[in-house]
């Protein structure tokens, strides 16, 4: 199986993180603080880049993301965040459209 050339990575802004934890059904699986999440995400990002895959950071705006999930019959969880990030990496207009 060929490795993808790039992947979308869900990215969260500090000012959105508390709202993100409110709306995600799997919030208990996310770090309790933005700083803890950021440190972990940067480590994963570095590992992916070192494997030769480009990483596209895709900002997840909580309310816009929930609206996108609803429109697609999806739950607000890790699988949907990954799908949104990968689809947005392929179509940058998608992430912009999911912002209120």
C-alpha atoms as a PDB file:
ATOM      1  CA  UNK A   1       0.000   0.000   0.000  1.00  0.00           C
ATOM      2  CA  UNK A   2       1.389   3.373  -0.982  1.00  0.00           C
ATOM      3  CA  UNK A   3       1.971   5.950   1.726  1.00  0.00           C
ATOM      4  CA  UNK A   4      -0.012   9.177   1.250  1.00  0.00           C
ATOM      5  CA  UNK A   5       1.968  12.226   0.168  1.00  0.00           C
ATOM      6  CA  UNK A   6       0.174  14.407   2.703  1.00  0.00           C
ATOM      7  CA  UNK A   7      -2.309  14.098   5.533  1.00  0.00           C
ATOM      8  CA  UNK A   8      -4.608  16.555   7.203  1.00  0.00           C
ATOM      9  CA  UNK A   9      -4.077  17.006  10.912  1.00  0.00           C
ATOM     10  CA  UNK A  10      -6.807  18.466  13.111  1.00  0.00           C
ATOM     11  CA  UNK A  11      -5.450  21.619  14.733  1.00  0.00           C
ATOM     12  CA  UNK A  12      -7.037  23.487  17.630  1.00  0.00           C
ATOM     13  CA  UNK A  13      -6.596  27.136  18.549  1.00  0.00           C
ATOM     14  CA  UNK A  14      -6.036  27.934  22.219  1.00  0.00           C
ATOM     15  CA  UNK A  15      -9.072  30.223  22.287  1.00  0.00           C
ATOM     16  CA  UNK A  16     -11.297  27.394  20.976  1.00  0.00           C
ATOM     17  CA  UNK A  17     -10.051  24.559  23.153  1.00  0.00           C
ATOM     18  CA  UNK A  18     -12.511  24.791  26.048  1.00  0.00           C
ATOM     19  CA  UNK A  19     -15.433  24.956  23.582  1.00  0.00           C
ATOM     20  CA  UNK A  20     -13.959  22.023  21.696  1.00  0.00           C
ATOM     21  CA  UNK A  21     -13.995  19.964  24.884  1.00  0.00           C
ATOM     22  CA  UNK A  22     -17.662  20.901  25.390  1.00  0.00           C
ATOM     23  CA  UNK A  23     -18.852  19.742  21.967  1.00  0.00           C
ATOM     24  CA  UNK A  24     -16.775  16.614  21.316  1.00  0.00           C
ATOM     25  CA  UNK A  25     -18.348  13.351  22.399  1.00  0.00           C
ATOM     26  CA  UNK A  26     -14.894  11.924  23.083  1.00  0.00           C
ATOM     27  CA  UNK A  27     -13.582  14.919  25.033  1.00  0.00           C
ATOM     28  CA  UNK A  28     -12.493  12.550  27.799  1.00  0.00           C
ATOM     29  CA  UNK A  29      -9.873  11.204  25.376  1.00  0.00           C
ATOM     30  CA  UNK A  30      -8.389  14.657  24.689  1.00  0.00           C
ATOM     31  CA  UNK A  31      -5.832  16.339  26.960  1.00  0.00           C
ATOM     32  CA  UNK A  32      -7.391  18.671  29.527  1.00  0.00           C
ATOM     33  CA  UNK A  33      -5.425  21.705  28.384  1.00  0.00           C
ATOM     34  CA  UNK A  34      -4.534  23.209  25.036  1.00  0.00           C
ATOM     35  CA  UNK A  35      -0.872  23.290  25.983  1.00  0.00           C
ATOM     36  CA  UNK A  36      -0.820  19.546  26.732  1.00  0.00           C
ATOM     37  CA  UNK A  37      -2.650  18.842  23.474  1.00  0.00           C
ATOM     38  CA  UNK A  38      -0.285  21.095  21.481  1.00  0.00           C
ATOM     39  CA  UNK A  39       2.849  19.412  22.819  1.00  0.00           C
ATOM     40  CA  UNK A  40       1.472  15.982  21.942  1.00  0.00           C
ATOM     41  CA  UNK A  41       0.250  17.122  18.519  1.00  0.00           C
ATOM     42  CA  UNK A  42       3.610  18.666  17.644  1.00  0.00           C
ATOM     43  CA  UNK A  43       5.342  15.398  18.563  1.00  0.00           C
ATOM     44  CA  UNK A  44       2.994  13.385  16.326  1.00  0.00           C
ATOM     45  CA  UNK A  45       3.365  15.960  13.556  1.00  0.00           C
ATOM     46  CA  UNK A  46       7.138  15.635  13.706  1.00  0.00           C
ATOM     47  CA  UNK A  47       6.988  11.843  13.540  1.00  0.00           C
ATOM     48  CA  UNK A  48       4.707  11.944  10.500  1.00  0.00           C
ATOM     49  CA  UNK A  49       6.954  14.471   8.748  1.00  0.00           C
ATOM     50  CA  UNK A  50      10.047  12.370   9.486  1.00  0.00           C
ATOM     51  CA  UNK A  51       8.314   9.445   7.754  1.00  0.00           C
ATOM     52  CA  UNK A  52       8.238  11.532   4.574  1.00  0.00           C
ATOM     53  CA  UNK A  53       4.569  12.541   4.667  1.00  0.00           C
ATOM     54  CA  UNK A  54       3.642  16.223   4.532  1.00  0.00           C
ATOM     55  CA  UNK A  55       1.291  17.431   7.261  1.00  0.00           C
ATOM     56  CA  UNK A  56      -1.423  20.005   6.585  1.00  0.00           C
ATOM     57  CA  UNK A  57      -2.694  21.602   9.785  1.00  0.00           C
ATOM     58  CA  UNK A  58      -6.459  22.034   9.550  1.00  0.00           C
ATOM     59  CA  UNK A  59      -7.995  24.304  12.175  1.00  0.00           C
ATOM     60  CA  UNK A  60     -11.117  22.805  13.705  1.00  0.00           C
ATOM     61  CA  UNK A  61     -13.561  25.542  14.696  1.00  0.00           C
ATOM     62  CA  UNK A  62     -15.853  23.790  17.206  1.00  0.00           C
ATOM     63  CA  UNK A  63     -19.294  25.062  16.200  1.00  0.00           C
ATOM     64  CA  UNK A  64     -18.577  24.969  12.481  1.00  0.00           C
ATOM     65  CA  UNK A  65     -17.239  21.445  12.846  1.00  0.00           C
ATOM     66  CA  UNK A  66     -20.353  20.289  14.701  1.00  0.00           C
ATOM     67  CA  UNK A  67     -22.494  21.788  11.919  1.00  0.00           C
ATOM     68  CA  UNK A  68     -20.385  19.923   9.325  1.00  0.00           C
ATOM     69  CA  UNK A  69     -20.823  16.674  11.282  1.00  0.00           C
ATOM     70  CA  UNK A  70     -24.581  17.192  11.468  1.00  0.00           C
ATOM     71  CA  UNK A  71     -24.786  17.894   7.739  1.00  0.00           C
ATOM     72  CA  UNK A  72     -22.911  14.645   7.031  1.00  0.00           C
ATOM     73  CA  UNK A  73     -24.692  12.484   9.610  1.00  0.00           C
ATOM     74  CA  UNK A  74     -21.518  12.085  11.651  1.00  0.00           C
ATOM     75  CA  UNK A  75     -20.738  12.253  15.341  1.00  0.00           C
ATOM     76  CA  UNK A  76     -18.311  14.851  16.699  1.00  0.00           C
ATOM     77  CA  UNK A  77     -15.436  12.513  17.519  1.00  0.00           C
ATOM     78  CA  UNK A  78     -11.884  11.595  16.554  1.00  0.00           C
ATOM     79  CA  UNK A  79     -12.874   9.703  13.406  1.00  0.00           C
ATOM     80  CA  UNK A  80     -14.865  12.679  12.130  1.00  0.00           C
ATOM     81  CA  UNK A  81     -12.082  15.123  13.019  1.00  0.00           C
ATOM     82  CA  UNK A  82      -9.627  12.996  11.033  1.00  0.00           C
ATOM     83  CA  UNK A  83     -12.018  12.786   8.081  1.00  0.00           C
ATOM     84  CA  UNK A  84     -12.640  16.529   8.152  1.00  0.00           C
ATOM     85  CA  UNK A  85      -8.897  17.254   8.339  1.00  0.00           C
ATOM     86  CA  UNK A  86      -8.061  14.936   5.438  1.00  0.00           C
ATOM     87  CA  UNK A  87     -10.907  16.223   3.264  1.00  0.00           C
ATOM     88  CA  UNK A  88      -9.961  19.817   4.100  1.00  0.00           C
ATOM     89  CA  UNK A  89      -6.317  19.172   3.246  1.00  0.00           C
ATOM     90  CA  UNK A  90      -7.481  18.025  -0.180  1.00  0.00           C
ATOM     91  CA  UNK A  91     -10.000  20.896  -0.505  1.00  0.00           C
ATOM     92  CA  UNK A  92      -8.929  23.968   1.546  1.00  0.00           C
ATOM     93  CA  UNK A  93     -12.280  25.636   0.863  1.00  0.00           C
ATOM     94  CA  UNK A  94     -13.985  23.032   3.030  1.00  0.00           C
ATOM     95  CA  UNK A  95     -12.349  24.200   6.257  1.00  0.00           C
ATOM     96  CA  UNK A  96     -13.157  27.815   5.440  1.00  0.00           C
ATOM     97  CA  UNK A  97     -16.785  26.892   4.772  1.00  0.00           C
ATOM     98  CA  UNK A  98     -17.036  25.199   8.181  1.00  0.00           C
ATOM     99  CA  UNK A  99     -16.346  28.448  10.020  1.00  0.00           C
ATOM    100  CA  UNK A 100     -19.386  30.367  11.207  1.00  0.00           C
END
